[in-house]
Amino acid sequence: MNKFIAYIKESREELIHKTSWPTWEQLQDSLMVVIVASLLFSLLIYLMDVGFSSLLSGFYHLFQ
């Protein structure tokens, strides 16, 4: 149990004193990049889904 407590204390110490945290502006910039990339990626997947759906629908109508 002492090893676990020492591990928690060392981890906390490292997070407080040795870790460099981004600034609020850096976080906002990163957030905007993630939002834009997610929207573009979801739009691409949507367009691929609609395209394949219409392609397969047309293919299936050939055999009816």
Protein backbone atom coordinates (compact mmCIF):
# COMPACT_ATOMS: atom_id res chain seq x y z
CA MET A 1 0.00 0.00 0.00
CA ASN A 2 2.92 2.33 0.71
CA LYS A 3 4.16 1.93 -2.86
CA PHE A 4 0.76 2.96 -4.20
CA ILE A 5 0.64 6.06 -2.02
CA ALA A 6 4.20 6.97 -3.05
CA TYR A 7 3.22 6.51 -6.69
CA ILE A 8 0.23 8.85 -6.29
CA LYS A 9 2.36 11.48 -4.53
CA GLU A 10 5.10 11.29 -7.18
CA SER A 11 2.55 11.49 -9.98
CA ARG A 12 0.92 14.54 -8.43
CA GLU A 13 4.31 16.19 -7.95
CA GLU A 14 5.25 15.55 -11.56
CA LEU A 15 1.95 16.90 -12.86
CA ILE A 16 2.32 20.08 -10.81
CA HIS A 17 6.01 20.87 -11.28
CA LYS A 18 7.36 19.05 -14.33
CA THR A 19 4.49 19.15 -16.82
CA SER A 20 4.10 22.09 -19.17
CA TRP A 21 0.45 22.89 -19.70
CA PRO A 22 -0.81 24.77 -22.77
CA THR A 23 -2.08 28.30 -22.43
CA TRP A 24 -5.76 29.15 -22.79
CA GLU A 25 -5.10 30.59 -26.27
CA GLN A 26 -3.32 27.41 -27.36
CA LEU A 27 -6.25 25.34 -26.13
CA GLN A 28 -8.71 27.50 -28.06
CA ASP A 29 -6.63 27.24 -31.25
CA SER A 30 -6.39 23.47 -30.89
CA LEU A 31 -10.11 23.24 -30.23
CA MET A 32 -10.89 25.15 -33.43
CA VAL A 33 -8.62 22.85 -35.45
CA VAL A 34 -10.35 19.79 -34.00
CA ILE A 35 -13.84 21.21 -34.66
CA VAL A 36 -13.06 22.15 -38.27
CA ALA A 37 -11.34 18.82 -38.98
CA SER A 38 -14.25 16.90 -37.44
CA LEU A 39 -16.81 18.81 -39.50
CA LEU A 40 -14.85 18.29 -42.72
CA PHE A 41 -14.34 14.61 -42.00
CA SER A 42 -18.03 14.07 -41.18
CA LEU A 43 -19.03 15.93 -44.36
CA LEU A 44 -16.70 13.71 -46.40
CA ILE A 45 -18.17 10.56 -44.85
CA TYR A 46 -21.72 11.84 -45.45
CA LEU A 47 -20.97 12.55 -49.11
CA MET A 48 -19.39 9.13 -49.55
CA ASP A 49 -22.42 7.50 -47.92
CA VAL A 50 -24.88 9.36 -50.15
CA GLY A 51 -22.78 8.60 -53.23
CA PHE A 52 -22.47 4.88 -52.54
CA SER A 53 -26.14 4.69 -51.59
CA SER A 54 -27.26 6.20 -54.89
CA LEU A 55 -24.73 4.09 -56.81
CA LEU A 56 -25.96 0.86 -55.23
CA SER A 57 -29.60 1.92 -55.60
CA GLY A 58 -29.04 2.44 -59.33
CA PHE A 59 -27.22 -0.89 -59.56
CA TYR A 60 -30.07 -2.74 -57.82
CA HIS A 61 -32.67 -1.15 -60.10
CA LEU A 62 -30.87 -2.68 -63.10
CA PHE A 63 -31.85 -6.17 -61.90
CA GLN A 64 -35.49 -5.57 -61.01
